[in-house]
Amino acid sequence: MPRQVRRLKTGYYDLLPPTAEEFEMVTGLYRRAADEARAAGYRTLRWGGRDTGPDGQAATALNAHGHGECARYWSTEPATWQPPAGLPDVQVHQLPAHLTLATADAEVSAFIDGHAAHINAGESIRHENAEPRALAALIAELVTRLRRDHPEVTELTIWEFDDASVRQALPLAGLRITARTMDYDLPLTPS
């Protein structure tokens, strides 16, 4: 419950590893669900979750099969991040809302919460005709401004899904995948 309370209060999923208590609880819930589904004659139990979170660790413990990557979490540490070479120059202006940067073709907003900055790409990255390299340059400028104007921010995380342009731009901007949201299948054999 503490993880869900944090999600409801902040509006984003944290990437903290599960505590031992969370792991035991979530694994126990899936184990019980598998027993109930097996008893009802089902052949597979399916669920989704982050591979590094309680759902993914439960999947590993129960020998479930991960497939169907749905989304990715990309991260960087602004203090050690280096601007990638070869990105185009873009004219960026800052909008008054949160940390929001815009060009003629794109806009990105970060939500800052203590030492972390978060971006839900589906809600906070808008791009009309921006090609991935130009979008990468805008994201790189956001990281630069985080480092300069918000030195308390030690990590930027972007949740990305179903957007090929954003998916191409993020590694160009120097971010790396730190977690994946997966679908899991647990085959149920008769007991």
N, C-alpha and C. Protein backbone atom coordinates (compact mmCIF):
# COMPACT_ATOMS: atom_id res chain seq x y z
N MET A 1 0.79 -1.21 0.00
CA MET A 1 0.00 0.00 0.00
C MET A 1 0.84 1.28 0.00
N PRO A 2 1.98 1.34 0.70
CA PRO A 2 2.74 2.59 0.65
C PRO A 2 3.10 3.01 -0.78
N ARG A 3 3.40 2.05 -1.66
CA ARG A 3 3.74 2.36 -3.06
C ARG A 3 2.53 2.97 -3.76
N GLN A 4 1.34 2.42 -3.53
CA GLN A 4 0.13 2.94 -4.17
C GLN A 4 -0.24 4.32 -3.61
N VAL A 5 -0.03 4.51 -2.32
CA VAL A 5 -0.30 5.82 -1.72
C VAL A 5 0.62 6.87 -2.35
N ARG A 6 1.91 6.54 -2.51
CA ARG A 6 2.84 7.48 -3.15
C ARG A 6 2.40 7.77 -4.58
N ARG A 7 1.93 6.75 -5.31
CA ARG A 7 1.48 6.95 -6.68
C ARG A 7 0.27 7.88 -6.72
N LEU A 8 -0.68 7.68 -5.82
CA LEU A 8 -1.87 8.53 -5.79
C LEU A 8 -1.53 9.97 -5.42
N LYS A 9 -0.59 10.14 -4.48
CA LYS A 9 -0.22 11.50 -4.05
C LYS A 9 0.58 12.24 -5.11
N THR A 10 1.49 11.53 -5.79
CA THR A 10 2.39 12.20 -6.72
C THR A 10 1.93 12.14 -8.17
N GLY A 11 1.12 11.16 -8.52
CA GLY A 11 0.67 11.02 -9.90
C GLY A 11 1.60 10.21 -10.78
N TYR A 12 2.62 9.60 -10.23
CA TYR A 12 3.51 8.75 -11.01
C TYR A 12 3.94 7.55 -10.18
N TYR A 13 4.39 6.51 -10.88
CA TYR A 13 4.89 5.31 -10.23
C TYR A 13 6.35 5.51 -9.88
N ASP A 14 6.71 5.21 -8.65
CA ASP A 14 8.12 5.35 -8.30
C ASP A 14 8.88 4.11 -8.75
N LEU A 15 10.17 4.27 -8.87
CA LEU A 15 11.02 3.17 -9.33
C LEU A 15 11.81 2.54 -8.20
N LEU A 16 11.38 2.80 -6.97
CA LEU A 16 12.06 2.18 -5.84
C LEU A 16 11.90 0.67 -5.89
N PRO A 17 12.94 -0.06 -5.55
CA PRO A 17 12.78 -1.52 -5.53
C PRO A 17 11.80 -1.91 -4.43
N PRO A 18 11.10 -3.02 -4.63
CA PRO A 18 10.14 -3.43 -3.61
C PRO A 18 10.84 -3.82 -2.31
N THR A 19 10.18 -3.52 -1.21
CA THR A 19 10.68 -3.98 0.08
C THR A 19 10.42 -5.49 0.19
N ALA A 20 11.04 -6.12 1.15
CA ALA A 20 10.80 -7.55 1.37
C ALA A 20 9.32 -7.80 1.65
N GLU A 21 8.70 -6.91 2.40
CA GLU A 21 7.28 -7.05 2.72
C GLU A 21 6.41 -6.95 1.46
N GLU A 22 6.73 -5.98 0.59
CA GLU A 22 5.99 -5.85 -0.67
C GLU A 22 6.16 -7.09 -1.54
N PHE A 23 7.39 -7.56 -1.64
CA PHE A 23 7.66 -8.74 -2.45
C PHE A 23 6.85 -9.92 -1.95
N GLU A 24 6.88 -10.16 -0.65
CA GLU A 24 6.13 -11.30 -0.09
C GLU A 24 4.63 -11.15 -0.31
N MET A 25 4.11 -9.93 -0.11
CA MET A 25 2.67 -9.71 -0.26
C MET A 25 2.23 -9.91 -1.71
N VAL A 26 2.93 -9.27 -2.65
CA VAL A 26 2.54 -9.35 -4.06
C VAL A 26 2.72 -10.76 -4.59
N THR A 27 3.83 -11.41 -4.24
CA THR A 27 4.04 -12.79 -4.67
C THR A 27 2.96 -13.69 -4.10
N GLY A 28 2.61 -13.48 -2.84
CA GLY A 28 1.54 -14.27 -2.23
C GLY A 28 0.20 -14.05 -2.92
N LEU A 29 -0.10 -12.82 -3.31
CA LEU A 29 -1.35 -12.53 -4.02
C LEU A 29 -1.40 -13.26 -5.36
N TYR A 30 -0.31 -13.21 -6.12
CA TYR A 30 -0.29 -13.91 -7.41
C TYR A 30 -0.33 -15.43 -7.22
N ARG A 31 0.35 -15.92 -6.20
CA ARG A 31 0.32 -17.36 -5.92
C ARG A 31 -1.12 -17.79 -5.60
N ARG A 32 -1.80 -17.02 -4.78
CA ARG A 32 -3.20 -17.33 -4.43
C ARG A 32 -4.10 -17.23 -5.66
N ALA A 33 -3.89 -16.19 -6.47
CA ALA A 33 -4.68 -16.05 -7.70
C ALA A 33 -4.45 -17.24 -8.63
N ALA A 34 -3.21 -17.71 -8.71
CA ALA A 34 -2.91 -18.88 -9.55
C ALA A 34 -3.63 -20.11 -9.02
N ASP A 35 -3.62 -20.30 -7.72
CA ASP A 35 -4.33 -21.45 -7.12
C ASP A 35 -5.81 -21.39 -7.43
N GLU A 36 -6.41 -20.22 -7.27
CA GLU A 36 -7.85 -20.06 -7.54
C GLU A 36 -8.16 -20.27 -9.02
N ALA A 37 -7.33 -19.70 -9.89
CA ALA A 37 -7.54 -19.86 -11.33
C ALA A 37 -7.38 -21.32 -11.76
N ARG A 38 -6.38 -21.98 -11.21
CA ARG A 38 -6.15 -23.40 -11.51
C ARG A 38 -7.36 -24.23 -11.08
N ALA A 39 -7.84 -23.97 -9.87
CA ALA A 39 -9.01 -24.71 -9.35
C ALA A 39 -10.25 -24.46 -10.20
N ALA A 40 -10.34 -23.30 -10.82
CA ALA A 40 -11.49 -22.98 -11.66
C ALA A 40 -11.31 -23.49 -13.10
N GLY A 41 -10.18 -24.13 -13.38
CA GLY A 41 -9.98 -24.72 -14.70
C GLY A 41 -9.23 -23.86 -15.70
N TYR A 42 -8.72 -22.71 -15.28
CA TYR A 42 -7.97 -21.87 -16.20
C TYR A 42 -6.58 -22.45 -16.44
N ARG A 43 -6.02 -22.14 -17.61
CA ARG A 43 -4.70 -22.69 -17.95
C ARG A 43 -3.57 -21.69 -17.80
N THR A 44 -3.91 -20.37 -17.72
CA THR A 44 -2.87 -19.34 -17.63
C THR A 44 -3.36 -18.19 -16.76
N LEU A 45 -2.47 -17.67 -15.93
CA LEU A 45 -2.73 -16.45 -15.18
C LEU A 45 -1.90 -15.36 -15.83
N ARG A 46 -2.54 -14.23 -16.16
CA ARG A 46 -1.84 -13.13 -16.82
C ARG A 46 -1.91 -11.87 -15.97
N TRP A 47 -0.80 -11.10 -15.96
CA TRP A 47 -0.78 -9.79 -15.32
C TRP A 47 0.32 -8.95 -15.95
N GLY A 48 0.33 -7.69 -15.60
CA GLY A 48 1.34 -6.79 -16.12
C GLY A 48 1.98 -5.99 -15.01
N GLY A 49 3.19 -5.51 -15.25
CA GLY A 49 3.87 -4.68 -14.27
C GLY A 49 5.30 -4.42 -14.67
N ARG A 50 5.94 -3.58 -13.89
CA ARG A 50 7.34 -3.20 -14.14
C ARG A 50 8.26 -4.35 -13.77
N ASP A 51 9.21 -4.65 -14.64
CA ASP A 51 10.10 -5.79 -14.42
C ASP A 51 10.94 -5.65 -13.16
N THR A 52 11.25 -4.44 -12.74
CA THR A 52 12.06 -4.24 -11.54
C THR A 52 11.21 -3.97 -10.29
N GLY A 53 9.91 -3.96 -10.44
CA GLY A 53 9.00 -3.70 -9.32
C GLY A 53 8.45 -4.98 -8.72
N PRO A 54 7.49 -4.86 -7.81
CA PRO A 54 6.95 -6.04 -7.14
C PRO A 54 6.30 -7.04 -8.10
N ASP A 55 5.62 -6.55 -9.16
CA ASP A 55 4.98 -7.46 -10.10
C ASP A 55 6.00 -8.27 -10.89
N GLY A 56 7.06 -7.62 -11.33
CA GLY A 56 8.10 -8.31 -12.08
C GLY A 56 8.89 -9.28 -11.22
N GLN A 57 9.19 -8.88 -9.99
CA GLN A 57 9.93 -9.78 -9.11
C GLN A 57 9.07 -10.98 -8.72
N ALA A 58 7.75 -10.76 -8.56
CA ALA A 58 6.84 -11.90 -8.29
C ALA A 58 6.82 -12.82 -9.50
N ALA A 59 6.82 -12.26 -10.70
CA ALA A 59 6.83 -13.09 -11.91
C ALA A 59 8.07 -13.98 -11.94
N THR A 60 9.21 -13.42 -11.59
CA THR A 60 10.44 -14.21 -11.55
C THR A 60 10.34 -15.31 -10.51
N ALA A 61 9.87 -14.98 -9.32
CA ALA A 61 9.77 -15.97 -8.24
C ALA A 61 8.80 -17.11 -8.59
N LEU A 62 7.77 -16.79 -9.36
CA LEU A 62 6.76 -17.81 -9.70
C LEU A 62 7.01 -18.47 -11.05
N ASN A 63 8.14 -18.14 -11.69
CA ASN A 63 8.50 -18.69 -13.00
C ASN A 63 7.50 -18.33 -14.09
N ALA A 64 6.95 -17.13 -14.02
CA ALA A 64 6.07 -16.64 -15.09
C ALA A 64 6.94 -16.18 -16.26
N HIS A 65 6.36 -16.16 -17.43
CA HIS A 65 7.08 -15.77 -18.64
C HIS A 65 6.75 -14.31 -18.97
N GLY A 66 7.78 -13.50 -19.10
CA GLY A 66 7.60 -12.11 -19.47
C GLY A 66 7.59 -11.96 -20.99
N HIS A 67 6.67 -11.21 -21.49
CA HIS A 67 6.58 -10.96 -22.93
C HIS A 67 5.80 -9.66 -23.12
N GLY A 68 5.65 -9.24 -24.34
CA GLY A 68 4.79 -8.10 -24.63
C GLY A 68 5.17 -6.83 -23.91
N GLU A 69 6.41 -6.38 -24.09
CA GLU A 69 6.83 -5.11 -23.48
C GLU A 69 5.84 -4.01 -23.86
N CYS A 70 5.28 -3.34 -22.85
CA CYS A 70 4.27 -2.30 -23.07
C CYS A 70 4.85 -0.90 -23.01
N ALA A 71 5.84 -0.70 -22.17
CA ALA A 71 6.40 0.64 -21.95
C ALA A 71 7.80 0.50 -21.40
N ARG A 72 8.51 1.63 -21.42
CA ARG A 72 9.86 1.66 -20.91
C ARG A 72 10.04 2.87 -20.00
N TYR A 73 10.90 2.73 -19.01
CA TYR A 73 11.31 3.84 -18.15
C TYR A 73 12.74 4.18 -18.55
N TRP A 74 12.94 5.42 -18.97
CA TRP A 74 14.25 5.92 -19.37
C TRP A 74 14.72 6.89 -18.29
N SER A 75 16.00 6.84 -17.95
CA SER A 75 16.51 7.69 -16.88
C SER A 75 17.88 8.26 -17.21
N THR A 76 18.19 9.32 -16.48
CA THR A 76 19.54 9.88 -16.48
C THR A 76 19.72 10.66 -15.19
N GLU A 77 20.96 10.84 -14.80
CA GLU A 77 21.31 11.66 -13.65
C GLU A 77 21.83 12.99 -14.18
N PRO A 78 21.07 14.07 -14.01
CA PRO A 78 21.49 15.35 -14.60
C PRO A 78 22.91 15.78 -14.24
N ALA A 79 23.36 15.49 -13.02
CA ALA A 79 24.69 15.95 -12.59
C ALA A 79 25.82 15.30 -13.39
N THR A 80 25.62 14.07 -13.84
CA THR A 80 26.69 13.37 -14.57
C THR A 80 26.40 13.22 -16.06
N TRP A 81 25.20 13.57 -16.49
CA TRP A 81 24.80 13.47 -17.89
C TRP A 81 25.64 14.43 -18.74
N GLN A 82 26.01 13.98 -19.90
CA GLN A 82 26.75 14.82 -20.84
C GLN A 82 25.92 15.03 -22.09
N PRO A 83 25.81 16.26 -22.59
CA PRO A 83 25.03 16.51 -23.80
C PRO A 83 25.61 15.71 -24.97
N PRO A 84 24.79 14.92 -25.64
CA PRO A 84 25.28 14.16 -26.79
C PRO A 84 25.72 15.08 -27.92
N ALA A 85 26.75 14.68 -28.61
CA ALA A 85 27.24 15.45 -29.75
C ALA A 85 26.32 15.23 -30.95
N GLY A 86 26.27 16.21 -31.82
CA GLY A 86 25.58 16.05 -33.08
C GLY A 86 24.10 16.34 -33.09
N LEU A 87 23.55 16.81 -31.97
CA LEU A 87 22.13 17.16 -31.98
C LEU A 87 21.97 18.53 -32.65
N PRO A 88 20.85 18.74 -33.32
CA PRO A 88 20.66 20.03 -33.99
C PRO A 88 20.43 21.15 -32.99
N ASP A 89 20.73 22.35 -33.40
CA ASP A 89 20.41 23.53 -32.59
C ASP A 89 18.91 23.77 -32.71
N VAL A 90 18.26 24.02 -31.59
CA VAL A 90 16.83 24.31 -31.61
C VAL A 90 16.58 25.58 -30.79
N GLN A 91 15.62 26.37 -31.23
CA GLN A 91 15.23 27.57 -30.50
C GLN A 91 14.21 27.15 -29.45
N VAL A 92 14.60 27.27 -28.17
CA VAL A 92 13.77 26.80 -27.06
C VAL A 92 13.34 27.99 -26.23
N HIS A 93 12.07 27.97 -25.82
CA HIS A 93 11.62 28.97 -24.84
C HIS A 93 10.92 28.24 -23.71
N GLN A 94 11.04 28.82 -22.52
CA GLN A 94 10.47 28.20 -21.33
C GLN A 94 9.09 28.80 -21.07
N LEU A 95 8.12 27.91 -20.83
CA LEU A 95 6.77 28.32 -20.51
C LEU A 95 6.63 28.39 -18.99
N PRO A 96 5.65 29.12 -18.47
CA PRO A 96 5.55 29.31 -17.02
C PRO A 96 5.16 28.06 -16.23
N ALA A 97 4.50 27.10 -16.84
CA ALA A 97 4.02 25.92 -16.09
C ALA A 97 5.16 24.96 -15.77
N HIS A 98 5.34 24.65 -14.47
CA HIS A 98 6.38 23.70 -14.01
C HIS A 98 7.68 23.99 -14.75
N LEU A 99 8.34 22.95 -15.19
CA LEU A 99 9.50 23.10 -16.05
C LEU A 99 9.03 22.65 -17.43
N THR A 100 8.58 23.59 -18.23
CA THR A 100 8.05 23.29 -19.56
C THR A 100 8.86 24.06 -20.59
N LEU A 101 9.41 23.31 -21.55
CA LEU A 101 10.18 23.90 -22.64
C LEU A 101 9.47 23.61 -23.95
N ALA A 102 9.56 24.55 -24.89
CA ALA A 102 8.88 24.38 -26.16
C ALA A 102 9.73 24.89 -27.31
N THR A 103 9.52 24.28 -28.46
CA THR A 103 10.03 24.76 -29.73
C THR A 103 8.79 24.98 -30.61
N ALA A 104 9.00 25.32 -31.86
CA ALA A 104 7.86 25.51 -32.76
C ALA A 104 7.09 24.22 -32.97
N ASP A 105 7.76 23.06 -32.87
CA ASP A 105 7.13 21.78 -33.19
C ASP A 105 6.95 20.83 -32.01
N ALA A 106 7.44 21.20 -30.84
CA ALA A 106 7.40 20.24 -29.72
C ALA A 106 7.37 20.96 -28.38
N GLU A 107 6.97 20.21 -27.37
CA GLU A 107 6.91 20.73 -26.00
C GLU A 107 7.13 19.57 -25.04
N VAL A 108 7.85 19.83 -23.96
CA VAL A 108 8.08 18.82 -22.94
C VAL A 108 7.97 19.48 -21.57
N SER A 109 7.30 18.78 -20.63
CA SER A 109 7.12 19.28 -19.25
C SER A 109 7.60 18.24 -18.27
N ALA A 110 8.34 18.68 -17.29
CA ALA A 110 8.80 17.78 -16.22
C ALA A 110 8.11 18.17 -14.92
N PHE A 111 7.75 17.18 -14.14
CA PHE A 111 7.20 17.38 -12.81
C PHE A 111 8.31 17.09 -11.82
N ILE A 112 8.64 18.07 -10.99
CA ILE A 112 9.72 17.92 -10.02
C ILE A 112 9.13 17.63 -8.66
N ASP A 113 9.63 16.57 -8.05
CA ASP A 113 9.19 16.15 -6.72
C ASP A 113 10.44 15.83 -5.90
N GLY A 114 10.89 16.80 -5.13
CA GLY A 114 12.09 16.59 -4.30
C GLY A 114 13.32 16.40 -5.17
N HIS A 115 13.95 15.23 -5.04
CA HIS A 115 15.18 14.96 -5.77
C HIS A 115 14.93 14.32 -7.14
N ALA A 116 13.67 14.14 -7.52
CA ALA A 116 13.36 13.45 -8.77
C ALA A 116 12.52 14.33 -9.69
N ALA A 117 12.76 14.18 -10.99
CA ALA A 117 11.92 14.81 -12.01
C ALA A 117 11.32 13.69 -12.85
N HIS A 118 10.04 13.84 -13.17
CA HIS A 118 9.31 12.79 -13.88
C HIS A 118 8.61 13.37 -15.10
N ILE A 119 8.56 12.56 -16.15
CA ILE A 119 7.82 12.92 -17.36
C ILE A 119 7.04 11.70 -17.81
N ASN A 120 5.74 11.85 -17.95
CA ASN A 120 4.91 10.83 -18.59
C ASN A 120 4.83 11.26 -20.05
N ALA A 121 5.51 10.53 -20.93
CA ALA A 121 5.62 10.96 -22.33
C ALA A 121 4.26 11.11 -23.00
N GLY A 122 3.31 10.28 -22.63
CA GLY A 122 1.99 10.36 -23.24
C GLY A 122 1.23 11.62 -22.88
N GLU A 123 1.55 12.19 -21.74
CA GLU A 123 0.86 13.40 -21.27
C GLU A 123 1.71 14.65 -21.37
N SER A 124 3.02 14.52 -21.28
CA SER A 124 3.88 15.69 -21.11
C SER A 124 4.89 15.92 -22.21
N ILE A 125 4.83 15.12 -23.26
CA ILE A 125 5.66 15.39 -24.44
C ILE A 125 4.71 15.51 -25.62
N ARG A 126 4.72 16.69 -26.21
CA ARG A 126 3.90 16.94 -27.40
C ARG A 126 4.86 17.19 -28.55
N HIS A 127 4.61 16.54 -29.66
CA HIS A 127 5.43 16.80 -30.84
C HIS A 127 4.56 16.63 -32.08
N GLU A 128 4.56 17.66 -32.87
CA GLU A 128 3.72 17.66 -34.09
C GLU A 128 4.55 17.12 -35.25
N ASN A 129 5.42 17.95 -35.74
CA ASN A 129 6.22 17.59 -36.91
C ASN A 129 7.70 17.44 -36.56
N ALA A 130 8.00 17.39 -35.28
CA ALA A 130 9.41 17.31 -34.86
C ALA A 130 9.96 15.93 -35.16
N GLU A 131 11.08 15.90 -35.83
CA GLU A 131 11.74 14.62 -36.07
C GLU A 131 12.51 14.24 -34.80
N PRO A 132 12.85 12.95 -34.63
CA PRO A 132 13.45 12.49 -33.37
C PRO A 132 14.69 13.26 -32.93
N ARG A 133 15.56 13.66 -33.85
CA ARG A 133 16.77 14.39 -33.44
C ARG A 133 16.43 15.75 -32.86
N ALA A 134 15.44 16.44 -33.42
CA ALA A 134 15.02 17.73 -32.87
C ALA A 134 14.35 17.55 -31.52
N LEU A 135 13.57 16.50 -31.38
CA LEU A 135 12.94 16.19 -30.09
C LEU A 135 14.02 15.84 -29.06
N ALA A 136 15.03 15.11 -29.48
CA ALA A 136 16.16 14.78 -28.59
C ALA A 136 16.86 16.05 -28.13
N ALA A 137 17.03 17.02 -29.02
CA ALA A 137 17.68 18.28 -28.65
C ALA A 137 16.85 19.03 -27.61
N LEU A 138 15.53 19.00 -27.73
CA LEU A 138 14.66 19.64 -26.75
C LEU A 138 14.78 18.95 -25.39
N ILE A 139 14.78 17.63 -25.39
CA ILE A 139 14.92 16.87 -24.13
C ILE A 139 16.30 17.12 -23.52
N ALA A 140 17.32 17.18 -24.35
CA ALA A 140 18.68 17.48 -23.85
C ALA A 140 18.72 18.86 -23.19
N GLU A 141 18.02 19.82 -23.77
CA GLU A 141 17.97 21.15 -23.17
C GLU A 141 17.25 21.10 -21.82
N LEU A 142 16.23 20.27 -21.70
CA LEU A 142 15.53 20.12 -20.43
C LEU A 142 16.48 19.56 -19.36
N VAL A 143 17.27 18.56 -19.73
CA VAL A 143 18.23 17.99 -18.77
C VAL A 143 19.26 19.04 -18.37
N THR A 144 19.72 19.83 -19.34
CA THR A 144 20.68 20.90 -19.06
C THR A 144 20.10 21.89 -18.05
N ARG A 145 18.83 22.27 -18.24
CA ARG A 145 18.20 23.23 -17.33
C ARG A 145 17.92 22.60 -15.97
N LEU A 146 17.61 21.32 -15.94
CA LEU A 146 17.47 20.65 -14.63
C LEU A 146 18.78 20.77 -13.86
N ARG A 147 19.88 20.45 -14.52
CA ARG A 147 21.19 20.49 -13.85
C ARG A 147 21.51 21.91 -13.37
N ARG A 148 21.24 22.89 -14.21
CA ARG A 148 21.58 24.28 -13.89
C ARG A 148 20.64 24.89 -12.85
N ASP A 149 19.32 24.73 -13.05
CA ASP A 149 18.33 25.44 -12.23
C ASP A 149 17.77 24.63 -11.07
N HIS A 150 17.96 23.32 -11.10
CA HIS A 150 17.41 22.44 -10.04
C HIS A 150 18.47 21.42 -9.62
N PRO A 151 19.55 21.88 -9.00
CA PRO A 151 20.63 20.95 -8.65
C PRO A 151 20.21 19.88 -7.64
N GLU A 152 19.06 20.09 -6.97
CA GLU A 152 18.56 19.07 -6.04
C GLU A 152 18.03 17.84 -6.76
N VAL A 153 17.74 17.96 -8.06
CA VAL A 153 17.22 16.83 -8.83
C VAL A 153 18.37 15.91 -9.20
N THR A 154 18.33 14.69 -8.67
CA THR A 154 19.40 13.73 -8.93
C THR A 154 19.04 12.72 -10.01
N GLU A 155 17.75 12.67 -10.39
CA GLU A 155 17.36 11.73 -11.45
C GLU A 155 16.15 12.24 -12.22
N LEU A 156 16.23 12.08 -13.53
CA LEU A 156 15.11 12.34 -14.42
C LEU A 156 14.65 11.00 -14.95
N THR A 157 13.35 10.71 -14.86
CA THR A 157 12.78 9.48 -15.39
C THR A 157 11.65 9.83 -16.35
N ILE A 158 11.68 9.20 -17.50
CA ILE A 158 10.63 9.39 -18.50
C ILE A 158 9.96 8.05 -18.75
N TRP A 159 8.63 8.02 -18.57
CA TRP A 159 7.85 6.83 -18.88
C TRP A 159 7.37 6.98 -20.31
N GLU A 160 7.79 6.07 -21.19
CA GLU A 160 7.51 6.16 -22.63
C GLU A 160 6.79 4.91 -23.09
N PHE A 161 5.78 5.11 -23.92
CA PHE A 161 5.01 3.99 -24.47
C PHE A 161 4.36 4.41 -25.77
N ASP A 162 4.26 3.51 -26.70
CA ASP A 162 3.50 3.70 -27.94
C ASP A 162 3.80 4.98 -28.70
N ASP A 163 5.02 5.43 -28.72
CA ASP A 163 5.36 6.62 -29.50
C ASP A 163 6.76 6.43 -30.08
N ALA A 164 6.80 6.06 -31.35
CA ALA A 164 8.08 5.73 -31.99
C ALA A 164 9.03 6.92 -32.01
N SER A 165 8.53 8.14 -32.22
CA SER A 165 9.41 9.31 -32.27
C SER A 165 10.08 9.56 -30.92
N VAL A 166 9.29 9.47 -29.84
CA VAL A 166 9.87 9.65 -28.50
C VAL A 166 10.85 8.53 -28.21
N ARG A 167 10.50 7.29 -28.56
CA ARG A 167 11.38 6.14 -28.33
C ARG A 167 12.71 6.31 -29.06
N GLN A 168 12.69 6.90 -30.25
CA GLN A 168 13.93 7.15 -30.98
C GLN A 168 14.71 8.32 -30.39
N ALA A 169 13.99 9.34 -29.88
CA ALA A 169 14.65 10.54 -29.37
C ALA A 169 15.38 10.32 -28.05
N LEU A 170 14.85 9.48 -27.18
CA LEU A 170 15.42 9.36 -25.83
C LEU A 170 16.86 8.87 -25.80
N PRO A 171 17.23 7.82 -26.53
CA PRO A 171 18.65 7.45 -26.50
C PRO A 171 19.53 8.51 -27.18
N LEU A 172 18.98 9.20 -28.18
CA LEU A 172 19.74 10.28 -28.82
C LEU A 172 20.01 11.42 -27.83
N ALA A 173 19.10 11.58 -26.85
CA ALA A 173 19.27 12.62 -25.84
C ALA A 173 20.14 12.15 -24.67
N GLY A 174 20.62 10.92 -24.73
CA GLY A 174 21.53 10.42 -23.70
C GLY A 174 20.85 9.73 -22.53
N LEU A 175 19.60 9.31 -22.67
CA LEU A 175 18.91 8.57 -21.61
C LEU A 175 19.04 7.08 -21.87
N ARG A 176 18.89 6.28 -20.82
CA ARG A 176 19.00 4.83 -20.94
C ARG A 176 17.78 4.17 -20.31
N ILE A 177 17.44 2.99 -20.79
CA ILE A 177 16.31 2.24 -20.23
C ILE A 177 16.73 1.69 -18.87
N THR A 178 15.90 1.96 -17.84
CA THR A 178 16.18 1.45 -16.50
C THR A 178 15.13 0.46 -16.03
N ALA A 179 13.98 0.40 -16.70
CA ALA A 179 12.95 -0.58 -16.36
C ALA A 179 12.00 -0.70 -17.54
N ARG A 180 11.27 -1.81 -17.56
CA ARG A 180 10.30 -2.06 -18.62
C ARG A 180 8.99 -2.52 -18.00
N THR A 181 7.88 -2.12 -18.58
CA THR A 181 6.58 -2.64 -18.18
C THR A 181 6.28 -3.80 -19.11
N MET A 182 6.04 -4.96 -18.51
CA MET A 182 5.87 -6.20 -19.26
C MET A 182 4.51 -6.83 -18.96
N ASP A 183 4.08 -7.69 -19.88
CA ASP A 183 2.98 -8.60 -19.60
C ASP A 183 3.60 -9.92 -19.17
N TYR A 184 2.97 -10.58 -18.21
CA TYR A 184 3.47 -11.86 -17.70
C TYR A 184 2.42 -12.94 -17.85
N ASP A 185 2.84 -14.13 -18.20
CA ASP A 185 1.97 -15.30 -18.25
C ASP A 185 2.54 -16.37 -17.32
N LEU A 186 1.69 -16.91 -16.46
CA LEU A 186 2.06 -18.02 -15.59
C LEU A 186 1.23 -19.22 -16.01
N PRO A 187 1.87 -20.23 -16.68
CA PRO A 187 1.11 -21.42 -17.04
C PRO A 187 0.64 -22.15 -15.78
N LEU A 188 -0.59 -22.58 -15.81
CA LEU A 188 -1.19 -23.27 -14.66
C LEU A 188 -1.35 -24.75 -15.01
N THR A 189 -0.62 -25.57 -14.29
CA THR A 189 -0.77 -27.01 -14.51
C THR A 189 -1.67 -27.56 -13.41
N PRO A 190 -2.43 -28.59 -13.73
CA PRO A 190 -3.32 -29.14 -12.69
C PRO A 190 -2.50 -29.59 -11.48
N SER A 191 -3.07 -29.35 -10.29
CA SER A 191 -2.33 -29.74 -9.08
C SER A 191 -2.68 -31.15 -8.66
